Amino acid sequence: MSGETPRAGSTAPVAASKARACMEAFLVSTGLVAVAEIGDKTQLLALCLAATWRRPVPILLGILAATVLNHALAAVLGAVAGDWLEGPWMRWALGLAFLGFAAWALIPDKFDDCPPEDRAHSALKVFQATAVAFFLVEMGDKTQVATAALAARFQDVVLVTAGTTLGMMLANAPAVLIGEAAATRLPLKWIRYAAAAGFAAVGVWILLAG
């Protein structure tokens, strides 16, 4: 009968599939960006600011604010581009982009513009300076570009932004709190290899699975 309501069981597979897609978008975004951010120039900036001002809370809040804004803009642009590049062009463009990110991740970053040590700034000024500096340095960086590509692939601005922001904070919070001495002991070469492998795996997955 046309007036029958759908059975509850018939919607369960659809709901489960949507939940898996949401978790996939969030977790892939978090993992890729967290690994790619280690040793990246924005993490070097975070180390630099932590050593300069020794004010971890406003520095972390500034990084969070800058990342949310920067990655939200990137995700919106990526999602719009994904709508425009539908079909096989989309698959090839994104797959090759992630393979390009894999090569990019192997290149060590440097950051040489650390301000002189000065602990006299207020918490508000440290927050503002960190947010502005981090936002500008993140422009065009691989984690920002990867955010746009992830949003184009998953078509979910909120979850991709949340995931990449969490990934950035997972990488940068220990750098700010623990400091350069601990961060410099990380095996950056192997971390770059891991990031490259992650990007390459996503690229191959997109090319094969669409």
N, C-alpha and C. Protein backbone atom coordinates (compact mmCIF):
# COMPACT_ATOMS: atom_id res chain seq x y z
N MET A 1 0.84 -1.20 0.00
CA MET A 1 0.00 0.00 0.00
C MET A 1 0.86 1.24 0.00
N SER A 2 0.43 2.26 -0.73
CA SER A 2 1.25 3.46 -0.86
C SER A 2 1.31 4.26 0.42
N GLY A 3 0.29 4.05 1.31
CA GLY A 3 0.27 4.82 2.54
C GLY A 3 1.10 4.20 3.65
N GLU A 4 1.74 3.04 3.42
CA GLU A 4 2.51 2.39 4.46
C GLU A 4 3.77 3.19 4.78
N THR A 5 4.10 3.21 6.04
CA THR A 5 5.34 3.87 6.45
C THR A 5 6.48 2.87 6.33
N PRO A 6 7.70 3.35 6.02
CA PRO A 6 8.82 2.42 5.89
C PRO A 6 9.14 1.77 7.21
N ARG A 7 9.52 0.52 7.16
CA ARG A 7 9.88 -0.20 8.37
C ARG A 7 11.18 0.40 8.94
N ALA A 8 11.27 0.34 10.26
CA ALA A 8 12.45 0.90 10.93
C ALA A 8 13.72 0.18 10.49
N GLY A 9 13.60 -1.14 10.26
CA GLY A 9 14.78 -1.90 9.88
C GLY A 9 15.33 -1.51 8.53
N SER A 10 14.46 -0.99 7.64
CA SER A 10 14.92 -0.66 6.30
C SER A 10 15.79 0.59 6.28
N THR A 11 15.67 1.43 7.30
CA THR A 11 16.50 2.64 7.35
C THR A 11 17.80 2.43 8.09
N ALA A 12 17.92 1.32 8.80
CA ALA A 12 19.12 1.08 9.60
C ALA A 12 20.40 1.00 8.76
N PRO A 13 20.39 0.25 7.62
CA PRO A 13 21.62 0.22 6.81
C PRO A 13 22.01 1.60 6.28
N VAL A 14 21.01 2.42 5.93
CA VAL A 14 21.32 3.76 5.43
C VAL A 14 21.94 4.60 6.53
N ALA A 15 21.38 4.53 7.74
CA ALA A 15 21.92 5.29 8.87
C ALA A 15 23.33 4.82 9.21
N ALA A 16 23.54 3.51 9.17
CA ALA A 16 24.87 2.98 9.47
C ALA A 16 25.89 3.42 8.44
N SER A 17 25.47 3.44 7.16
CA SER A 17 26.36 3.88 6.09
C SER A 17 26.73 5.36 6.25
N LYS A 18 25.76 6.17 6.62
CA LYS A 18 26.04 7.60 6.84
C LYS A 18 26.97 7.80 8.01
N ALA A 19 26.76 7.02 9.07
CA ALA A 19 27.62 7.13 10.25
C ALA A 19 29.06 6.75 9.91
N ARG A 20 29.21 5.69 9.11
CA ARG A 20 30.56 5.27 8.70
C ARG A 20 31.22 6.35 7.85
N ALA A 21 30.44 6.96 6.95
CA ALA A 21 31.00 8.01 6.09
C ALA A 21 31.43 9.22 6.93
N CYS A 22 30.64 9.56 7.94
CA CYS A 22 30.98 10.68 8.82
C CYS A 22 32.26 10.39 9.60
N MET A 23 32.35 9.19 10.16
CA MET A 23 33.54 8.82 10.92
C MET A 23 34.76 8.76 10.03
N GLU A 24 34.57 8.28 8.81
CA GLU A 24 35.68 8.21 7.86
C GLU A 24 36.20 9.60 7.54
N ALA A 25 35.30 10.53 7.25
CA ALA A 25 35.71 11.90 6.94
C ALA A 25 36.46 12.52 8.10
N PHE A 26 35.95 12.33 9.31
CA PHE A 26 36.56 12.94 10.49
C PHE A 26 37.90 12.31 10.82
N LEU A 27 37.96 10.97 10.84
CA LEU A 27 39.17 10.29 11.27
C LEU A 27 40.29 10.40 10.24
N VAL A 28 39.96 10.28 8.96
CA VAL A 28 40.99 10.43 7.92
C VAL A 28 41.55 11.86 7.96
N SER A 29 40.69 12.85 8.10
CA SER A 29 41.14 14.24 8.17
C SER A 29 42.04 14.46 9.38
N THR A 30 41.64 13.92 10.51
CA THR A 30 42.44 14.08 11.73
C THR A 30 43.80 13.42 11.59
N GLY A 31 43.81 12.17 11.18
CA GLY A 31 45.06 11.42 11.12
C GLY A 31 46.05 11.97 10.12
N LEU A 32 45.57 12.27 8.91
CA LEU A 32 46.48 12.77 7.89
C LEU A 32 47.12 14.09 8.30
N VAL A 33 46.31 15.01 8.79
CA VAL A 33 46.83 16.34 9.12
C VAL A 33 47.71 16.28 10.36
N ALA A 34 47.37 15.46 11.34
CA ALA A 34 48.19 15.34 12.55
C ALA A 34 49.61 14.90 12.20
N VAL A 35 49.72 13.89 11.35
CA VAL A 35 51.04 13.39 10.98
C VAL A 35 51.76 14.38 10.06
N ALA A 36 51.03 14.96 9.11
CA ALA A 36 51.65 15.90 8.17
C ALA A 36 52.13 17.17 8.86
N GLU A 37 51.49 17.56 9.97
CA GLU A 37 51.84 18.80 10.65
C GLU A 37 53.15 18.69 11.43
N ILE A 38 53.55 17.49 11.80
CA ILE A 38 54.77 17.32 12.58
C ILE A 38 55.98 17.69 11.72
N GLY A 39 56.74 18.67 12.18
CA GLY A 39 57.87 19.17 11.42
C GLY A 39 57.51 20.18 10.37
N ASP A 40 56.22 20.50 10.23
CA ASP A 40 55.77 21.48 9.25
C ASP A 40 56.13 22.89 9.74
N LYS A 41 56.11 23.85 8.81
CA LYS A 41 56.53 25.20 9.19
C LYS A 41 55.59 25.83 10.21
N THR A 42 54.31 25.45 10.22
CA THR A 42 53.42 26.00 11.24
C THR A 42 53.74 25.42 12.62
N GLN A 43 54.18 24.17 12.68
CA GLN A 43 54.61 23.65 13.97
C GLN A 43 55.91 24.32 14.42
N LEU A 44 56.78 24.59 13.47
CA LEU A 44 58.01 25.33 13.81
C LEU A 44 57.67 26.72 14.33
N LEU A 45 56.65 27.34 13.73
CA LEU A 45 56.19 28.64 14.24
C LEU A 45 55.65 28.50 15.65
N ALA A 46 54.88 27.45 15.92
CA ALA A 46 54.35 27.23 17.27
C ALA A 46 55.48 27.09 18.29
N LEU A 47 56.53 26.34 17.94
CA LEU A 47 57.69 26.20 18.81
C LEU A 47 58.36 27.54 19.06
N CYS A 48 58.48 28.31 17.99
CA CYS A 48 59.12 29.61 18.05
C CYS A 48 58.36 30.55 18.98
N LEU A 49 57.04 30.60 18.83
CA LEU A 49 56.23 31.49 19.66
C LEU A 49 56.23 31.04 21.11
N ALA A 50 56.24 29.72 21.33
CA ALA A 50 56.28 29.21 22.70
C ALA A 50 57.58 29.59 23.39
N ALA A 51 58.70 29.51 22.64
CA ALA A 51 59.99 29.88 23.22
C ALA A 51 60.09 31.38 23.44
N THR A 52 59.43 32.17 22.59
CA THR A 52 59.52 33.62 22.68
C THR A 52 58.71 34.18 23.84
N TRP A 53 57.46 33.71 23.97
CA TRP A 53 56.54 34.33 24.92
C TRP A 53 56.27 33.51 26.17
N ARG A 54 56.49 32.19 26.12
CA ARG A 54 56.25 31.33 27.28
C ARG A 54 54.85 31.53 27.85
N ARG A 55 53.88 31.65 26.95
CA ARG A 55 52.47 31.81 27.36
C ARG A 55 51.66 30.76 26.61
N PRO A 56 51.68 29.50 27.06
CA PRO A 56 51.09 28.41 26.27
C PRO A 56 49.59 28.54 26.03
N VAL A 57 48.83 29.02 27.02
CA VAL A 57 47.37 29.05 26.85
C VAL A 57 46.95 30.03 25.75
N PRO A 58 47.35 31.31 25.76
CA PRO A 58 46.95 32.18 24.66
C PRO A 58 47.55 31.78 23.32
N ILE A 59 48.73 31.14 23.34
CA ILE A 59 49.31 30.66 22.08
C ILE A 59 48.46 29.54 21.50
N LEU A 60 48.06 28.59 22.33
CA LEU A 60 47.23 27.49 21.84
C LEU A 60 45.86 27.98 21.39
N LEU A 61 45.28 28.93 22.11
CA LEU A 61 44.00 29.49 21.70
C LEU A 61 44.13 30.24 20.38
N GLY A 62 45.24 30.93 20.18
CA GLY A 62 45.48 31.62 18.91
C GLY A 62 45.62 30.63 17.76
N ILE A 63 46.35 29.53 18.00
CA ILE A 63 46.49 28.50 16.97
C ILE A 63 45.13 27.89 16.64
N LEU A 64 44.33 27.64 17.67
CA LEU A 64 43.00 27.06 17.46
C LEU A 64 42.12 27.99 16.63
N ALA A 65 42.08 29.26 16.99
CA ALA A 65 41.24 30.22 16.27
C ALA A 65 41.69 30.35 14.82
N ALA A 66 42.99 30.46 14.61
CA ALA A 66 43.51 30.61 13.24
C ALA A 66 43.23 29.37 12.41
N THR A 67 43.39 28.20 13.01
CA THR A 67 43.18 26.95 12.27
C THR A 67 41.72 26.77 11.89
N VAL A 68 40.81 27.02 12.83
CA VAL A 68 39.39 26.88 12.53
C VAL A 68 39.00 27.79 11.36
N LEU A 69 39.41 29.05 11.41
CA LEU A 69 39.05 29.98 10.34
C LEU A 69 39.71 29.59 9.02
N ASN A 70 41.01 29.30 9.07
CA ASN A 70 41.74 28.97 7.85
C ASN A 70 41.21 27.70 7.20
N HIS A 71 41.01 26.67 7.99
CA HIS A 71 40.60 25.39 7.44
C HIS A 71 39.12 25.39 7.05
N ALA A 72 38.31 26.19 7.74
CA ALA A 72 36.91 26.31 7.32
C ALA A 72 36.83 26.94 5.94
N LEU A 73 37.61 27.98 5.71
CA LEU A 73 37.63 28.60 4.38
C LEU A 73 38.12 27.62 3.32
N ALA A 74 39.19 26.88 3.66
CA ALA A 74 39.72 25.89 2.71
C ALA A 74 38.71 24.79 2.43
N ALA A 75 38.01 24.34 3.47
CA ALA A 75 37.02 23.28 3.29
C ALA A 75 35.84 23.73 2.44
N VAL A 76 35.40 24.97 2.65
CA VAL A 76 34.30 25.49 1.83
C VAL A 76 34.73 25.54 0.37
N LEU A 77 35.91 26.07 0.11
CA LEU A 77 36.39 26.13 -1.28
C LEU A 77 36.55 24.73 -1.87
N GLY A 78 37.04 23.79 -1.06
CA GLY A 78 37.21 22.43 -1.54
C GLY A 78 35.88 21.76 -1.87
N ALA A 79 34.89 21.97 -1.00
CA ALA A 79 33.57 21.38 -1.24
C ALA A 79 32.93 21.96 -2.49
N VAL A 80 33.08 23.27 -2.69
CA VAL A 80 32.53 23.90 -3.91
C VAL A 80 33.23 23.35 -5.15
N ALA A 81 34.56 23.23 -5.07
CA ALA A 81 35.30 22.66 -6.20
C ALA A 81 34.88 21.22 -6.45
N GLY A 82 34.59 20.46 -5.38
CA GLY A 82 34.14 19.09 -5.54
C GLY A 82 32.81 18.98 -6.25
N ASP A 83 31.90 19.93 -5.97
CA ASP A 83 30.62 19.96 -6.69
C ASP A 83 30.83 20.25 -8.17
N TRP A 84 31.80 21.11 -8.45
CA TRP A 84 32.03 21.54 -9.83
C TRP A 84 32.74 20.45 -10.64
N LEU A 85 33.65 19.73 -9.98
CA LEU A 85 34.44 18.71 -10.67
C LEU A 85 33.87 17.32 -10.41
N GLU A 86 32.61 17.12 -10.68
CA GLU A 86 32.00 15.82 -10.48
C GLU A 86 32.44 14.83 -11.56
N GLY A 87 32.32 13.54 -11.22
CA GLY A 87 32.62 12.51 -12.21
C GLY A 87 34.08 12.09 -12.19
N PRO A 88 34.55 11.47 -13.27
CA PRO A 88 35.93 10.95 -13.31
C PRO A 88 36.99 12.02 -13.16
N TRP A 89 36.70 13.26 -13.63
CA TRP A 89 37.68 14.34 -13.47
C TRP A 89 37.99 14.56 -12.00
N MET A 90 36.97 14.51 -11.18
CA MET A 90 37.13 14.70 -9.74
C MET A 90 38.03 13.63 -9.15
N ARG A 91 37.79 12.38 -9.51
CA ARG A 91 38.59 11.29 -8.98
C ARG A 91 40.06 11.43 -9.35
N TRP A 92 40.33 11.73 -10.62
CA TRP A 92 41.71 11.87 -11.05
C TRP A 92 42.39 13.09 -10.43
N ALA A 93 41.66 14.20 -10.36
CA ALA A 93 42.25 15.41 -9.78
C ALA A 93 42.62 15.20 -8.32
N LEU A 94 41.71 14.61 -7.54
CA LEU A 94 41.98 14.41 -6.12
C LEU A 94 43.03 13.33 -5.90
N GLY A 95 42.94 12.23 -6.64
CA GLY A 95 43.93 11.17 -6.49
C GLY A 95 45.34 11.66 -6.76
N LEU A 96 45.51 12.38 -7.86
CA LEU A 96 46.83 12.91 -8.19
C LEU A 96 47.26 13.99 -7.20
N ALA A 97 46.29 14.76 -6.69
CA ALA A 97 46.63 15.78 -5.69
C ALA A 97 47.21 15.14 -4.44
N PHE A 98 46.59 14.06 -3.98
CA PHE A 98 47.10 13.41 -2.77
C PHE A 98 48.45 12.73 -3.02
N LEU A 99 48.68 12.24 -4.21
CA LEU A 99 50.00 11.72 -4.53
C LEU A 99 51.03 12.86 -4.53
N GLY A 100 50.60 14.04 -4.99
CA GLY A 100 51.47 15.20 -4.91
C GLY A 100 51.75 15.60 -3.47
N PHE A 101 50.73 15.51 -2.61
CA PHE A 101 50.95 15.80 -1.19
C PHE A 101 51.97 14.83 -0.59
N ALA A 102 51.95 13.58 -1.05
CA ALA A 102 52.90 12.59 -0.54
C ALA A 102 54.33 13.03 -0.83
N ALA A 103 54.56 13.51 -2.05
CA ALA A 103 55.90 14.00 -2.39
C ALA A 103 56.24 15.27 -1.60
N TRP A 104 55.27 16.14 -1.44
CA TRP A 104 55.45 17.40 -0.69
C TRP A 104 55.82 17.11 0.76
N ALA A 105 55.20 16.08 1.35
CA ALA A 105 55.44 15.76 2.75
C ALA A 105 56.87 15.32 3.02
N LEU A 106 57.58 14.87 1.98
CA LEU A 106 58.96 14.42 2.16
C LEU A 106 59.95 15.59 2.24
N ILE A 107 59.50 16.79 1.89
CA ILE A 107 60.40 17.96 1.88
C ILE A 107 60.41 18.60 3.26
N PRO A 108 61.57 18.68 3.93
CA PRO A 108 61.62 19.31 5.26
C PRO A 108 61.29 20.80 5.18
N ASP A 109 60.57 21.28 6.17
CA ASP A 109 60.24 22.70 6.25
C ASP A 109 61.22 23.43 7.15
N LYS A 110 61.34 24.75 6.92
CA LYS A 110 62.16 25.61 7.78
C LYS A 110 61.36 26.86 8.10
N PHE A 111 61.67 27.44 9.26
CA PHE A 111 61.03 28.70 9.63
C PHE A 111 62.09 29.56 10.31
N ASP A 112 62.43 30.69 9.67
CA ASP A 112 63.55 31.51 10.13
C ASP A 112 63.15 32.89 10.62
N ASP A 113 61.85 33.13 10.81
CA ASP A 113 61.40 34.48 11.17
C ASP A 113 60.90 34.56 12.60
N CYS A 114 61.57 33.89 13.51
CA CYS A 114 61.14 33.90 14.90
C CYS A 114 61.40 35.28 15.51
N PRO A 115 60.41 35.86 16.21
CA PRO A 115 60.63 37.17 16.83
C PRO A 115 61.58 37.05 18.01
N PRO A 116 62.23 38.15 18.41
CA PRO A 116 63.12 38.10 19.57
C PRO A 116 62.36 37.78 20.84
N GLU A 117 63.05 37.18 21.80
CA GLU A 117 62.39 36.77 23.04
C GLU A 117 61.84 37.98 23.78
N ASP A 118 60.58 37.88 24.16
CA ASP A 118 59.90 38.99 24.84
C ASP A 118 58.71 38.43 25.60
N ARG A 119 58.75 38.47 26.91
CA ARG A 119 57.68 37.91 27.73
C ARG A 119 56.78 38.99 28.31
N ALA A 120 56.90 40.22 27.81
CA ALA A 120 56.16 41.32 28.40
C ALA A 120 54.74 41.47 27.84
N HIS A 121 54.43 40.76 26.77
CA HIS A 121 53.12 40.92 26.14
C HIS A 121 52.01 40.37 27.04
N SER A 122 50.84 41.00 26.97
CA SER A 122 49.67 40.50 27.69
C SER A 122 49.14 39.25 26.98
N ALA A 123 48.27 38.52 27.69
CA ALA A 123 47.69 37.31 27.11
C ALA A 123 46.91 37.63 25.84
N LEU A 124 46.19 38.75 25.84
CA LEU A 124 45.40 39.12 24.66
C LEU A 124 46.30 39.40 23.46
N LYS A 125 47.40 40.14 23.70
CA LYS A 125 48.31 40.44 22.59
C LYS A 125 48.99 39.18 22.07
N VAL A 126 49.33 38.26 22.96
CA VAL A 126 49.93 37.00 22.52
C VAL A 126 48.94 36.21 21.68
N PHE A 127 47.69 36.15 22.14
CA PHE A 127 46.63 35.46 21.38
C PHE A 127 46.48 36.08 19.99
N GLN A 128 46.36 37.40 19.92
CA GLN A 128 46.16 38.08 18.64
C GLN A 128 47.34 37.87 17.70
N ALA A 129 48.55 38.03 18.23
CA ALA A 129 49.75 37.88 17.39
C ALA A 129 49.87 36.44 16.89
N THR A 130 49.58 35.48 17.75
CA THR A 130 49.65 34.07 17.35
C THR A 130 48.62 33.76 16.28
N ALA A 131 47.39 34.21 16.48
CA ALA A 131 46.32 33.93 15.52
C ALA A 131 46.65 34.51 14.15
N VAL A 132 47.11 35.74 14.11
CA VAL A 132 47.44 36.38 12.82
C VAL A 132 48.61 35.67 12.16
N ALA A 133 49.68 35.43 12.93
CA ALA A 133 50.88 34.80 12.36
C ALA A 133 50.56 33.40 11.86
N PHE A 134 49.83 32.63 12.65
CA PHE A 134 49.53 31.25 12.27
C PHE A 134 48.62 31.20 11.05
N PHE A 135 47.64 32.09 11.01
CA PHE A 135 46.74 32.13 9.86
C PHE A 135 47.52 32.42 8.58
N LEU A 136 48.42 33.40 8.63
CA LEU A 136 49.16 33.79 7.43
C LEU A 136 50.15 32.70 7.00
N VAL A 137 50.84 32.09 7.96
CA VAL A 137 51.81 31.05 7.62
C VAL A 137 51.11 29.81 7.08
N GLU A 138 49.91 29.54 7.55
CA GLU A 138 49.15 28.37 7.10
C GLU A 138 48.61 28.54 5.68
N MET A 139 48.51 29.78 5.20
CA MET A 139 48.00 30.01 3.84
C MET A 139 48.90 29.34 2.81
N GLY A 140 48.32 28.45 2.02
CA GLY A 140 49.08 27.76 0.98
C GLY A 140 49.93 26.62 1.49
N ASP A 141 49.89 26.36 2.80
CA ASP A 141 50.66 25.25 3.35
C ASP A 141 49.99 23.93 2.99
N LYS A 142 50.75 22.83 3.09
CA LYS A 142 50.20 21.55 2.63
C LYS A 142 49.00 21.11 3.46
N THR A 143 48.97 21.46 4.75
CA THR A 143 47.83 21.06 5.56
C THR A 143 46.57 21.83 5.17
N GLN A 144 46.72 23.08 4.75
CA GLN A 144 45.56 23.83 4.28
C GLN A 144 45.06 23.28 2.95
N VAL A 145 46.00 23.04 2.03
CA VAL A 145 45.62 22.50 0.72
C VAL A 145 45.01 21.11 0.87
N ALA A 146 45.57 20.32 1.78
CA ALA A 146 45.02 18.99 2.03
C ALA A 146 43.60 19.08 2.59
N THR A 147 43.34 20.08 3.42
CA THR A 147 41.99 20.28 3.94
C THR A 147 41.00 20.52 2.81
N ALA A 148 41.38 21.37 1.86
CA ALA A 148 40.51 21.63 0.71
C ALA A 148 40.26 20.35 -0.07
N ALA A 149 41.31 19.56 -0.28
CA ALA A 149 41.15 18.31 -1.04
C ALA A 149 40.29 17.31 -0.28
N LEU A 150 40.46 17.23 1.03
CA LEU A 150 39.63 16.32 1.82
C LEU A 150 38.16 16.72 1.79
N ALA A 151 37.90 18.02 1.84
CA ALA A 151 36.51 18.49 1.76
C ALA A 151 35.92 18.20 0.39
N ALA A 152 36.73 18.31 -0.65
CA ALA A 152 36.26 17.97 -1.99
C ALA A 152 35.93 16.49 -2.09
N ARG A 153 36.71 15.66 -1.43
CA ARG A 153 36.48 14.21 -1.48
C ARG A 153 35.26 13.81 -0.65
N PHE A 154 35.17 14.32 0.57
CA PHE A 154 34.13 13.86 1.48
C PHE A 154 32.87 14.71 1.45
N GLN A 155 32.95 15.91 0.88
CA GLN A 155 31.79 16.80 0.78
C GLN A 155 31.14 17.05 2.15
N ASP A 156 31.98 17.28 3.14
CA ASP A 156 31.47 17.57 4.49
C ASP A 156 32.38 18.62 5.12
N VAL A 157 31.99 19.87 5.02
CA VAL A 157 32.82 20.99 5.49
C VAL A 157 33.04 20.91 7.00
N VAL A 158 31.98 20.63 7.74
CA VAL A 158 32.06 20.66 9.21
C VAL A 158 32.98 19.56 9.72
N LEU A 159 32.77 18.32 9.27
CA LEU A 159 33.56 17.20 9.79
C LEU A 159 35.02 17.28 9.35
N VAL A 160 35.25 17.69 8.11
CA VAL A 160 36.64 17.83 7.65
C VAL A 160 37.34 18.94 8.41
N THR A 161 36.67 20.08 8.59
CA THR A 161 37.28 21.17 9.36
C THR A 161 37.55 20.74 10.79
N ALA A 162 36.59 20.06 11.39
CA ALA A 162 36.78 19.57 12.77
C ALA A 162 37.95 18.59 12.84
N GLY A 163 38.02 17.69 11.87
CA GLY A 163 39.08 16.69 11.87
C GLY A 163 40.45 17.29 11.66
N THR A 164 40.58 18.17 10.67
CA THR A 164 41.90 18.77 10.41
C THR A 164 42.31 19.71 11.54
N THR A 165 41.34 20.39 12.14
CA THR A 165 41.66 21.26 13.29
C THR A 165 42.16 20.42 14.46
N LEU A 166 41.48 19.30 14.74
CA LEU A 166 41.94 18.41 15.80
C LEU A 166 43.34 17.88 15.50
N GLY A 167 43.58 17.52 14.23
CA GLY A 167 44.90 17.05 13.85
C GLY A 167 45.98 18.10 14.09
N MET A 168 45.68 19.34 13.74
CA MET A 168 46.64 20.43 13.97
C MET A 168 46.91 20.61 15.46
N MET A 169 45.86 20.54 16.28
CA MET A 169 46.05 20.74 17.72
C MET A 169 46.79 19.56 18.34
N LEU A 170 46.53 18.34 17.87
CA LEU A 170 47.25 17.18 18.40
C LEU A 170 48.75 17.30 18.13
N ALA A 171 49.11 17.88 17.00
CA ALA A 171 50.52 18.04 16.67
C ALA A 171 51.15 19.25 17.36
N ASN A 172 50.40 20.34 17.48
CA ASN A 172 50.98 21.59 17.96
C ASN A 172 50.90 21.76 19.48
N ALA A 173 49.89 21.19 20.12
CA ALA A 173 49.78 21.36 21.56
C ALA A 173 51.00 20.81 22.31
N PRO A 174 51.47 19.58 22.00
CA PRO A 174 52.69 19.12 22.69
C PRO A 174 53.90 19.99 22.38
N ALA A 175 53.98 20.52 21.16
CA ALA A 175 55.11 21.38 20.82
C ALA A 175 55.12 22.64 21.68
N VAL A 176 53.95 23.20 21.91
CA VAL A 176 53.85 24.42 22.72
C VAL A 176 54.06 24.11 24.20
N LEU A 177 53.49 23.01 24.67
CA LEU A 177 53.55 22.69 26.09
C LEU A 177 54.88 22.08 26.51
N ILE A 178 55.44 21.23 25.68
CA ILE A 178 56.67 20.53 26.04
C ILE A 178 57.90 21.34 25.63
N GLY A 179 57.81 21.97 24.47
CA GLY A 179 58.90 22.83 24.04
C GLY A 179 59.81 22.19 23.02
N GLU A 180 60.77 22.98 22.59
CA GLU A 180 61.65 22.59 21.49
C GLU A 180 62.53 21.42 21.85
N ALA A 181 62.97 21.33 23.10
CA ALA A 181 63.90 20.27 23.48
C ALA A 181 63.31 18.89 23.20
N ALA A 182 62.02 18.72 23.56
CA ALA A 182 61.38 17.42 23.32
C ALA A 182 61.02 17.25 21.85
N ALA A 183 60.55 18.33 21.22
CA ALA A 183 60.10 18.23 19.83
C ALA A 183 61.25 17.88 18.90
N THR A 184 62.43 18.41 19.18
CA THR A 184 63.57 18.15 18.29
C THR A 184 64.07 16.71 18.38
N ARG A 185 63.62 15.98 19.40
CA ARG A 185 64.03 14.57 19.51
C ARG A 185 63.15 13.64 18.70
N LEU A 186 62.09 14.16 18.13
CA LEU A 186 61.20 13.32 17.33
C LEU A 186 61.91 12.86 16.06
N PRO A 187 61.66 11.65 15.61
CA PRO A 187 62.27 11.16 14.36
C PRO A 187 61.56 11.76 13.14
N LEU A 188 61.90 13.01 12.83
CA LEU A 188 61.16 13.75 11.82
C LEU A 188 61.22 13.09 10.45
N LYS A 189 62.36 12.47 10.13
CA LYS A 189 62.48 11.83 8.83
C LYS A 189 61.45 10.72 8.69
N TRP A 190 61.29 9.91 9.73
CA TRP A 190 60.34 8.80 9.67
C TRP A 190 58.91 9.30 9.74
N ILE A 191 58.71 10.40 10.45
CA ILE A 191 57.37 10.99 10.49
C ILE A 191 56.99 11.52 9.11
N ARG A 192 57.95 12.14 8.41
CA ARG A 192 57.67 12.59 7.03
C ARG A 192 57.34 11.40 6.15
N TYR A 193 58.06 10.30 6.32
CA TYR A 193 57.76 9.09 5.54
C TYR A 193 56.33 8.60 5.83
N ALA A 194 55.95 8.62 7.11
CA ALA A 194 54.61 8.18 7.48
C ALA A 194 53.55 9.08 6.87
N ALA A 195 53.79 10.40 6.92
CA ALA A 195 52.84 11.34 6.32
C ALA A 195 52.73 11.11 4.81
N ALA A 196 53.88 10.91 4.16
CA ALA A 196 53.87 10.67 2.72
C ALA A 196 53.12 9.38 2.40
N ALA A 197 53.35 8.34 3.21
CA ALA A 197 52.65 7.07 2.98
C ALA A 197 51.14 7.24 3.16
N GLY A 198 50.74 8.02 4.16
CA GLY A 198 49.32 8.26 4.37
C GLY A 198 48.67 8.99 3.21
N PHE A 199 49.32 10.05 2.75
CA PHE A 199 48.79 10.79 1.60
C PHE A 199 48.74 9.90 0.36
N ALA A 200 49.80 9.12 0.14
CA ALA A 200 49.84 8.25 -1.04
C ALA A 200 48.75 7.20 -0.97
N ALA A 201 48.51 6.64 0.23
CA ALA A 201 47.47 5.62 0.38
C ALA A 201 46.09 6.20 0.06
N VAL A 202 45.83 7.42 0.53
CA VAL A 202 44.55 8.06 0.22
C VAL A 202 44.44 8.33 -1.28
N GLY A 203 45.53 8.78 -1.90
CA GLY A 203 45.53 9.03 -3.33
C GLY A 203 45.21 7.78 -4.14
N VAL A 204 45.86 6.68 -3.79
CA VAL A 204 45.61 5.41 -4.50
C VAL A 204 44.18 4.94 -4.25
N TRP A 205 43.71 5.09 -3.01
CA TRP A 205 42.33 4.70 -2.69
C TRP A 205 41.32 5.49 -3.52
N ILE A 206 41.54 6.78 -3.63
CA ILE A 206 40.62 7.61 -4.44
C ILE A 206 40.66 7.20 -5.92
N LEU A 207 41.86 6.95 -6.44
CA LEU A 207 41.98 6.57 -7.85
C LEU A 207 41.32 5.20 -8.13
N LEU A 208 41.42 4.30 -7.18
CA LEU A 208 40.87 2.96 -7.40
C LEU A 208 39.39 2.84 -7.03
N ALA A 209 39.02 3.48 -5.92
CA ALA A 209 37.67 3.31 -5.41
C ALA A 209 36.74 4.49 -5.76
N GLY A 210 37.32 5.61 -6.16
CA GLY A 210 36.49 6.76 -6.50
C GLY A 210 36.06 7.57 -5.31
